[in-house]
N, C-alpha and C. Protein backbone atom coordinates (compact mmCIF):
# COMPACT_ATOMS: atom_id res chain seq x y z
N MET A 1 88.37 77.03 125.05
CA MET A 1 89.73 77.34 124.76
C MET A 1 89.84 78.21 123.52
N ASP A 2 90.74 79.15 123.59
CA ASP A 2 90.94 80.06 122.46
C ASP A 2 92.14 79.57 121.65
N TRP A 3 91.85 78.89 120.53
CA TRP A 3 92.91 78.32 119.70
C TRP A 3 93.76 79.39 119.04
N ASN A 4 93.19 80.52 118.77
CA ASN A 4 93.95 81.61 118.15
C ASN A 4 95.08 82.08 119.07
N MET A 5 94.76 82.19 120.37
CA MET A 5 95.77 82.64 121.32
C MET A 5 96.92 81.62 121.39
N TRP A 6 96.60 80.34 121.47
CA TRP A 6 97.63 79.31 121.57
C TRP A 6 98.45 79.19 120.28
N SER A 7 97.84 79.37 119.15
CA SER A 7 98.60 79.33 117.90
C SER A 7 99.52 80.55 117.80
N ALA A 8 99.09 81.71 118.31
CA ALA A 8 99.95 82.90 118.33
C ALA A 8 101.14 82.69 119.28
N ILE A 9 100.88 82.09 120.44
CA ILE A 9 101.96 81.80 121.39
C ILE A 9 102.94 80.80 120.77
N GLY A 10 102.43 79.80 120.10
CA GLY A 10 103.29 78.82 119.42
C GLY A 10 104.12 79.46 118.32
N ALA A 11 103.51 80.38 117.57
CA ALA A 11 104.23 81.08 116.51
C ALA A 11 105.35 81.94 117.09
N CYS A 12 105.06 82.63 118.22
CA CYS A 12 106.08 83.45 118.88
C CYS A 12 107.22 82.56 119.39
N GLY A 13 106.88 81.43 119.98
CA GLY A 13 107.90 80.49 120.46
C GLY A 13 108.75 79.98 119.31
N SER A 14 108.12 79.69 118.20
CA SER A 14 108.84 79.22 117.02
C SER A 14 109.77 80.31 116.48
N ALA A 15 109.29 81.56 116.49
CA ALA A 15 110.11 82.68 116.02
C ALA A 15 111.33 82.87 116.92
N ILE A 16 111.13 82.76 118.23
CA ILE A 16 112.24 82.91 119.17
C ILE A 16 113.26 81.79 118.97
N ALA A 17 112.78 80.57 118.80
CA ALA A 17 113.68 79.44 118.56
C ALA A 17 114.44 79.62 117.25
N SER A 18 113.78 80.15 116.23
CA SER A 18 114.44 80.39 114.95
C SER A 18 115.52 81.45 115.08
N LEU A 19 115.25 82.52 115.83
CA LEU A 19 116.25 83.57 116.05
C LEU A 19 117.45 83.02 116.83
N TRP A 20 117.18 82.19 117.83
CA TRP A 20 118.26 81.59 118.60
C TRP A 20 119.11 80.70 117.68
N ALA A 21 118.47 79.92 116.83
CA ALA A 21 119.20 79.05 115.90
C ALA A 21 120.02 79.87 114.91
N LEU A 22 119.47 81.00 114.47
CA LEU A 22 120.18 81.89 113.55
C LEU A 22 121.42 82.47 114.22
N CYS A 23 121.29 82.91 115.47
CA CYS A 23 122.44 83.45 116.20
C CYS A 23 123.51 82.38 116.41
N TYR A 24 123.09 81.18 116.73
CA TYR A 24 124.02 80.08 116.94
C TYR A 24 124.74 79.73 115.63
N ALA A 25 124.01 79.72 114.54
CA ALA A 25 124.60 79.42 113.23
C ALA A 25 125.60 80.51 112.84
N ARG A 26 125.28 81.76 113.14
CA ARG A 26 126.20 82.86 112.82
C ARG A 26 127.49 82.71 113.62
N LYS A 27 127.35 82.38 114.89
CA LYS A 27 128.54 82.17 115.73
C LYS A 27 129.38 81.02 115.18
N ALA A 28 128.74 79.96 114.77
CA ALA A 28 129.46 78.81 114.21
C ALA A 28 130.18 79.19 112.92
N LEU A 29 129.54 79.98 112.07
CA LEU A 29 130.18 80.40 110.82
C LEU A 29 131.36 81.34 111.09
N ASN A 30 131.21 82.22 112.08
CA ASN A 30 132.32 83.10 112.44
C ASN A 30 133.51 82.30 112.96
N THR A 31 133.23 81.29 113.76
CA THR A 31 134.29 80.43 114.27
C THR A 31 134.97 79.70 113.12
N TRP A 32 134.19 79.18 112.21
CA TRP A 32 134.74 78.49 111.03
C TRP A 32 135.60 79.45 110.20
N ASN A 33 135.11 80.68 110.02
CA ASN A 33 135.84 81.68 109.24
C ASN A 33 137.19 81.99 109.90
N ARG A 34 137.21 82.15 111.21
CA ARG A 34 138.46 82.41 111.92
C ARG A 34 139.42 81.22 111.79
N GLN A 35 138.88 80.02 111.83
CA GLN A 35 139.72 78.83 111.67
C GLN A 35 140.35 78.80 110.28
N GLU A 36 139.58 79.13 109.27
CA GLU A 36 140.11 79.14 107.90
C GLU A 36 141.17 80.22 107.74
N GLN A 37 140.94 81.40 108.32
CA GLN A 37 141.95 82.46 108.26
C GLN A 37 143.23 82.02 108.95
N PHE A 38 143.07 81.35 110.08
CA PHE A 38 144.21 80.82 110.81
C PHE A 38 144.99 79.84 109.93
N LYS A 39 144.28 78.94 109.27
CA LYS A 39 144.92 77.92 108.43
C LYS A 39 145.71 78.54 107.29
N VAL A 40 145.14 79.54 106.60
CA VAL A 40 145.85 80.10 105.45
C VAL A 40 147.03 80.95 105.91
N LYS A 41 146.91 81.65 107.03
CA LYS A 41 148.06 82.39 107.54
C LYS A 41 149.17 81.43 107.95
N LEU A 42 148.78 80.35 108.59
CA LEU A 42 149.76 79.35 109.00
C LEU A 42 150.42 78.72 107.78
N GLU A 43 149.66 78.47 106.73
CA GLU A 43 150.21 77.91 105.50
C GLU A 43 151.19 78.88 104.85
N PHE A 44 150.86 80.18 104.84
CA PHE A 44 151.77 81.17 104.26
C PHE A 44 153.06 81.24 105.07
N LYS A 45 152.92 81.23 106.38
CA LYS A 45 154.10 81.28 107.23
C LYS A 45 154.97 80.04 107.01
N ARG A 46 154.34 78.87 106.88
CA ARG A 46 155.07 77.64 106.61
C ARG A 46 155.79 77.72 105.26
N ALA A 47 155.09 78.28 104.26
CA ALA A 47 155.68 78.40 102.93
C ALA A 47 156.87 79.36 102.96
N LEU A 48 156.77 80.43 103.75
CA LEU A 48 157.90 81.36 103.86
C LEU A 48 159.10 80.68 104.53
N LEU A 49 158.84 79.87 105.53
CA LEU A 49 159.94 79.15 106.18
C LEU A 49 160.58 78.15 105.22
N GLU A 50 159.77 77.51 104.39
CA GLU A 50 160.30 76.60 103.37
C GLU A 50 161.14 77.37 102.35
N LEU A 51 160.67 78.56 101.98
CA LEU A 51 161.42 79.40 101.05
C LEU A 51 162.74 79.83 101.68
N GLU A 52 162.70 80.16 102.96
CA GLU A 52 163.93 80.54 103.66
C GLU A 52 164.92 79.38 103.66
N ASP A 53 164.44 78.18 103.91
CA ASP A 53 165.32 77.00 103.89
C ASP A 53 165.93 76.80 102.50
N ALA A 54 165.12 77.00 101.47
CA ALA A 54 165.63 76.85 100.10
C ALA A 54 166.70 77.90 99.80
N PHE A 55 166.49 79.13 100.28
CA PHE A 55 167.51 80.17 100.10
C PHE A 55 168.79 79.81 100.86
N GLU A 56 168.64 79.28 102.06
CA GLU A 56 169.82 78.91 102.85
C GLU A 56 170.63 77.81 102.17
N ALA A 57 169.98 76.96 101.42
CA ALA A 57 170.68 75.89 100.71
C ALA A 57 171.45 76.41 99.50
N MET A 58 171.07 77.57 99.00
CA MET A 58 171.76 78.13 97.84
C MET A 58 173.17 78.57 98.23
N PRO A 59 174.08 78.61 97.26
CA PRO A 59 175.41 79.14 97.54
C PRO A 59 175.30 80.62 97.95
N ASP A 60 176.29 81.08 98.72
CA ASP A 60 176.24 82.48 99.16
C ASP A 60 176.17 83.43 97.97
N ASN A 61 176.96 83.17 96.96
CA ASN A 61 176.95 83.97 95.74
C ASN A 61 176.97 83.02 94.55
N TRP A 62 176.20 83.35 93.54
CA TRP A 62 176.21 82.58 92.31
C TRP A 62 175.78 83.50 91.18
N ASN A 63 176.05 83.08 89.95
CA ASN A 63 175.61 83.87 88.80
C ASN A 63 175.03 82.95 87.74
N SER A 64 174.47 83.56 86.72
CA SER A 64 173.76 82.77 85.70
C SER A 64 174.71 81.87 84.92
N THR A 65 175.96 82.27 84.78
CA THR A 65 176.93 81.42 84.07
C THR A 65 177.16 80.12 84.84
N GLN A 66 177.30 80.22 86.14
CA GLN A 66 177.48 79.02 86.96
C GLN A 66 176.25 78.11 86.84
N TYR A 67 175.09 78.71 86.79
CA TYR A 67 173.87 77.91 86.68
C TYR A 67 173.80 77.20 85.33
N ARG A 68 174.16 77.91 84.25
CA ARG A 68 174.13 77.28 82.92
C ARG A 68 175.12 76.11 82.86
N ILE A 69 176.27 76.27 83.48
CA ILE A 69 177.25 75.17 83.52
C ILE A 69 176.67 73.99 84.30
N ALA A 70 176.05 74.28 85.42
CA ALA A 70 175.46 73.21 86.24
C ALA A 70 174.35 72.49 85.49
N ARG A 71 173.50 73.25 84.80
CA ARG A 71 172.41 72.64 84.04
C ARG A 71 172.96 71.76 82.92
N THR A 72 173.99 72.23 82.25
CA THR A 72 174.60 71.45 81.17
C THR A 72 175.19 70.15 81.72
N ARG A 73 175.86 70.22 82.85
CA ARG A 73 176.43 69.01 83.46
C ARG A 73 175.34 68.02 83.83
N VAL A 74 174.23 68.52 84.35
CA VAL A 74 173.13 67.63 84.72
C VAL A 74 172.54 66.99 83.48
N GLU A 75 172.36 67.77 82.42
CA GLU A 75 171.78 67.22 81.19
C GLU A 75 172.71 66.20 80.55
N GLN A 76 174.02 66.43 80.60
CA GLN A 76 174.98 65.51 79.99
C GLN A 76 175.14 64.23 80.79
N GLN A 77 175.05 64.34 82.09
CA GLN A 77 175.29 63.18 82.95
C GLN A 77 174.03 62.81 83.73
N TYR A 78 172.89 62.92 83.11
CA TYR A 78 171.63 62.76 83.83
C TYR A 78 171.54 61.42 84.55
N ASN A 79 171.97 60.36 83.92
CA ASN A 79 171.84 59.03 84.54
C ASN A 79 172.95 58.74 85.55
N ALA A 80 174.02 59.50 85.51
CA ALA A 80 175.16 59.22 86.39
C ALA A 80 175.46 60.39 87.32
N VAL A 81 174.46 61.15 87.67
CA VAL A 81 174.71 62.30 88.54
C VAL A 81 175.07 61.80 89.94
N VAL A 82 176.16 62.28 90.42
CA VAL A 82 176.59 61.96 91.78
C VAL A 82 176.21 63.16 92.64
N HIS A 83 175.42 62.92 93.65
CA HIS A 83 174.93 64.01 94.49
C HIS A 83 175.94 64.32 95.59
N ARG A 84 176.87 65.19 95.26
CA ARG A 84 177.84 65.64 96.24
C ARG A 84 177.58 67.12 96.49
N VAL A 85 177.79 67.54 97.72
CA VAL A 85 177.52 68.93 98.09
C VAL A 85 178.43 69.88 97.33
N ASP A 86 179.67 69.49 97.12
CA ASP A 86 180.61 70.39 96.46
C ASP A 86 180.54 70.30 94.93
N ASP A 87 179.72 69.45 94.41
CA ASP A 87 179.59 69.29 92.97
C ASP A 87 178.92 70.53 92.38
N ALA A 88 179.49 71.06 91.32
CA ALA A 88 178.94 72.26 90.70
C ALA A 88 177.52 72.04 90.17
N ALA A 89 177.18 70.81 89.84
CA ALA A 89 175.84 70.52 89.32
C ALA A 89 174.77 70.68 90.40
N GLN A 90 175.16 70.70 91.66
CA GLN A 90 174.19 70.85 92.73
C GLN A 90 173.45 72.18 92.65
N LEU A 91 174.07 73.19 92.08
CA LEU A 91 173.41 74.48 91.93
C LEU A 91 172.11 74.33 91.15
N TYR A 92 172.12 73.48 90.15
CA TYR A 92 170.91 73.25 89.36
C TYR A 92 169.78 72.74 90.25
N PHE A 93 170.05 71.74 91.06
CA PHE A 93 169.02 71.15 91.92
C PHE A 93 168.57 72.13 93.00
N LYS A 94 169.51 72.87 93.54
CA LYS A 94 169.17 73.85 94.58
C LYS A 94 168.28 74.95 94.02
N LYS A 95 168.59 75.38 92.80
CA LYS A 95 167.77 76.43 92.19
C LYS A 95 166.37 75.90 91.88
N GLU A 96 166.26 74.67 91.41
CA GLU A 96 164.94 74.08 91.15
C GLU A 96 164.14 73.98 92.45
N ASN A 97 164.79 73.60 93.53
CA ASN A 97 164.13 73.53 94.83
C ASN A 97 163.67 74.92 95.28
N LEU A 98 164.50 75.92 95.04
CA LEU A 98 164.15 77.30 95.39
C LEU A 98 162.94 77.76 94.59
N LYS A 99 162.91 77.45 93.30
CA LYS A 99 161.75 77.83 92.47
C LYS A 99 160.47 77.18 92.99
N SER A 100 160.56 75.92 93.36
CA SER A 100 159.38 75.21 93.87
C SER A 100 158.91 75.83 95.19
N ALA A 101 159.83 76.13 96.08
CA ALA A 101 159.46 76.75 97.36
C ALA A 101 158.85 78.13 97.14
N TYR A 102 159.37 78.86 96.17
CA TYR A 102 158.82 80.18 95.87
C TYR A 102 157.39 80.07 95.33
N GLN A 103 157.16 79.11 94.46
CA GLN A 103 155.80 78.93 93.92
C GLN A 103 154.82 78.55 95.03
N ASN A 104 155.26 77.73 95.97
CA ASN A 104 154.40 77.39 97.11
C ASN A 104 154.08 78.63 97.94
N ALA A 105 155.07 79.48 98.14
CA ALA A 105 154.85 80.71 98.90
C ALA A 105 153.88 81.64 98.17
N VAL A 106 153.99 81.72 96.86
CA VAL A 106 153.08 82.57 96.08
C VAL A 106 151.65 82.04 96.19
N ARG A 107 151.48 80.72 96.07
CA ARG A 107 150.14 80.14 96.21
C ARG A 107 149.56 80.41 97.60
N ALA A 108 150.37 80.27 98.62
CA ALA A 108 149.90 80.54 99.98
C ALA A 108 149.56 82.01 100.16
N TRP A 109 150.33 82.90 99.52
CA TRP A 109 150.05 84.33 99.61
C TRP A 109 148.70 84.66 98.98
N VAL A 110 148.43 84.07 97.85
CA VAL A 110 147.15 84.32 97.17
C VAL A 110 145.98 83.96 98.09
N LEU A 111 146.12 82.90 98.85
CA LEU A 111 145.04 82.49 99.75
C LEU A 111 144.86 83.43 100.93
N CYS A 112 145.95 83.95 101.46
CA CYS A 112 145.82 84.72 102.71
C CYS A 112 145.99 86.22 102.51
N GLU A 113 146.18 86.69 101.31
CA GLU A 113 146.43 88.11 101.06
C GLU A 113 145.36 89.00 101.68
N GLY A 114 144.10 88.65 101.50
CA GLY A 114 143.02 89.46 102.04
C GLY A 114 142.91 89.40 103.55
N GLY A 115 143.44 88.37 104.17
CA GLY A 115 143.35 88.21 105.61
C GLY A 115 144.44 88.93 106.38
N ILE A 116 145.45 89.42 105.68
CA ILE A 116 146.54 90.13 106.34
C ILE A 116 146.25 91.62 106.25
N LYS A 117 146.02 92.21 107.40
CA LYS A 117 145.62 93.62 107.46
C LYS A 117 146.80 94.58 107.43
N ASP A 118 147.97 94.11 107.84
CA ASP A 118 149.16 94.96 107.90
C ASP A 118 149.65 95.26 106.48
N LYS A 119 149.48 96.50 106.04
CA LYS A 119 149.83 96.87 104.67
C LYS A 119 151.34 96.84 104.43
N SER A 120 152.13 96.97 105.50
CA SER A 120 153.58 96.92 105.30
C SER A 120 154.03 95.51 104.89
N ILE A 121 153.30 94.49 105.34
CA ILE A 121 153.61 93.12 104.91
C ILE A 121 153.33 92.99 103.41
N HIS A 122 152.25 93.61 102.95
CA HIS A 122 151.93 93.58 101.52
C HIS A 122 153.07 94.22 100.72
N ALA A 123 153.55 95.38 101.20
CA ALA A 123 154.63 96.08 100.50
C ALA A 123 155.93 95.27 100.52
N GLU A 124 156.24 94.67 101.65
CA GLU A 124 157.46 93.87 101.76
C GLU A 124 157.39 92.63 100.87
N TRP A 125 156.22 92.01 100.80
CA TRP A 125 156.06 90.83 99.94
C TRP A 125 156.22 91.23 98.47
N LYS A 126 155.64 92.36 98.11
CA LYS A 126 155.77 92.83 96.72
C LYS A 126 157.24 93.09 96.38
N GLN A 127 157.96 93.70 97.31
CA GLN A 127 159.38 93.97 97.09
C GLN A 127 160.18 92.67 97.00
N LEU A 128 159.85 91.71 97.86
CA LEU A 128 160.54 90.41 97.80
C LEU A 128 160.30 89.73 96.46
N ARG A 129 159.08 89.81 95.96
CA ARG A 129 158.78 89.19 94.66
C ARG A 129 159.59 89.85 93.54
N THR A 130 159.68 91.17 93.58
CA THR A 130 160.46 91.89 92.57
C THR A 130 161.93 91.50 92.66
N ASP A 131 162.47 91.50 93.87
CA ASP A 131 163.88 91.15 94.06
C ASP A 131 164.15 89.69 93.69
N TYR A 132 163.21 88.81 94.02
CA TYR A 132 163.38 87.39 93.70
C TYR A 132 163.47 87.20 92.18
N SER A 133 162.65 87.91 91.44
CA SER A 133 162.67 87.78 89.98
C SER A 133 164.05 88.09 89.43
N GLN A 134 164.68 89.11 89.97
CA GLN A 134 166.03 89.47 89.54
C GLN A 134 167.04 88.41 89.99
N TYR A 135 166.89 87.96 91.22
CA TYR A 135 167.83 86.97 91.78
C TYR A 135 167.79 85.66 91.00
N ILE A 136 166.61 85.19 90.67
CA ILE A 136 166.49 83.89 90.02
C ILE A 136 167.03 83.93 88.58
N LEU A 137 167.04 85.11 87.98
CA LEU A 137 167.58 85.24 86.62
C LEU A 137 169.09 85.41 86.59
N THR A 138 169.60 86.26 87.48
CA THR A 138 171.01 86.63 87.38
C THR A 138 171.87 86.12 88.52
N GLY A 139 171.26 85.65 89.60
CA GLY A 139 172.04 85.22 90.76
C GLY A 139 172.30 86.38 91.69
N GLY A 140 173.23 86.18 92.59
CA GLY A 140 173.56 87.23 93.55
C GLY A 140 173.82 86.64 94.91
N ASN A 141 173.71 87.49 95.92
CA ASN A 141 173.95 87.10 97.30
C ASN A 141 172.63 86.78 97.97
N LYS A 142 172.55 85.64 98.63
CA LYS A 142 171.30 85.18 99.23
C LYS A 142 170.97 85.86 100.55
N ASN A 143 171.94 86.46 101.22
CA ASN A 143 171.74 86.95 102.58
C ASN A 143 170.71 88.06 102.70
N CYS A 144 170.63 88.95 101.73
CA CYS A 144 169.63 90.02 101.82
C CYS A 144 168.21 89.46 101.70
N TYR A 145 168.04 88.36 101.00
CA TYR A 145 166.72 87.75 100.85
C TYR A 145 166.30 87.03 102.12
N LEU A 146 167.25 86.43 102.80
CA LEU A 146 166.94 85.75 104.05
C LEU A 146 166.38 86.73 105.08
N SER A 147 166.99 87.91 105.17
CA SER A 147 166.51 88.90 106.14
C SER A 147 165.13 89.43 105.75
N LYS A 148 164.87 89.56 104.46
CA LYS A 148 163.55 90.03 104.02
C LYS A 148 162.47 89.00 104.35
N ILE A 149 162.77 87.74 104.11
CA ILE A 149 161.80 86.68 104.41
C ILE A 149 161.53 86.63 105.91
N GLU A 150 162.59 86.70 106.71
CA GLU A 150 162.41 86.67 108.16
C GLU A 150 161.59 87.87 108.64
N LYS A 151 161.81 89.01 108.04
CA LYS A 151 161.05 90.21 108.42
C LYS A 151 159.57 90.02 108.14
N ILE A 152 159.25 89.38 107.03
CA ILE A 152 157.83 89.16 106.69
C ILE A 152 157.20 88.15 107.63
N TYR A 153 157.81 86.98 107.78
CA TYR A 153 157.13 85.94 108.57
C TYR A 153 157.13 86.25 110.06
N SER A 154 158.06 87.07 110.53
CA SER A 154 158.05 87.41 111.95
C SER A 154 156.93 88.40 112.29
N ARG A 155 156.41 89.09 111.29
CA ARG A 155 155.35 90.07 111.53
C ARG A 155 153.95 89.50 111.30
N ILE A 156 153.86 88.29 110.79
CA ILE A 156 152.55 87.68 110.57
C ILE A 156 152.05 87.11 111.89
N VAL A 157 150.95 87.65 112.36
CA VAL A 157 150.37 87.19 113.62
C VAL A 157 149.37 86.08 113.31
N VAL A 158 149.66 84.89 113.80
CA VAL A 158 148.76 83.76 113.57
C VAL A 158 147.80 83.61 114.74
N PHE A 159 148.34 83.65 115.94
CA PHE A 159 147.51 83.51 117.14
C PHE A 159 147.17 84.90 117.68
N ILE A 160 145.90 85.13 117.88
CA ILE A 160 145.43 86.42 118.41
C ILE A 160 144.90 86.17 119.81
N ASP A 161 145.35 87.00 120.75
CA ASP A 161 144.87 86.86 122.14
C ASP A 161 143.41 87.23 122.26
């Protein structure tokens, strides 16, 4: 028996098995990568919907003076705040909720920014961030922000055929 020949055949078989395992591992990693991209896009879309809900809860129009009055009322009556929808102090809570939803959307954007290939979504998100900064400081009408948010999340493709 020629042991050299059999050891060469065994080495070739081992190399083929290693290549097959490498290909299988690559496929598994690609599947995992796609799953993670799916998760972060889904999280960003969820965060945008949460932000949209927070905007919808805001009054149609408000200004910084109304907010300062609401904050003062909350601080003065902190232990006895009555949560009524028509209460002027509700603006304070709604704005805090809006800030929280916005921060969640920003965190989700940071995770999925590289996975979104559509550059127009990047531009729209940047514009929304700029506009939001002005809105949160001075107030304004919420309706233009709702349409911007809807435009962004409606263009994010989560499921790919």
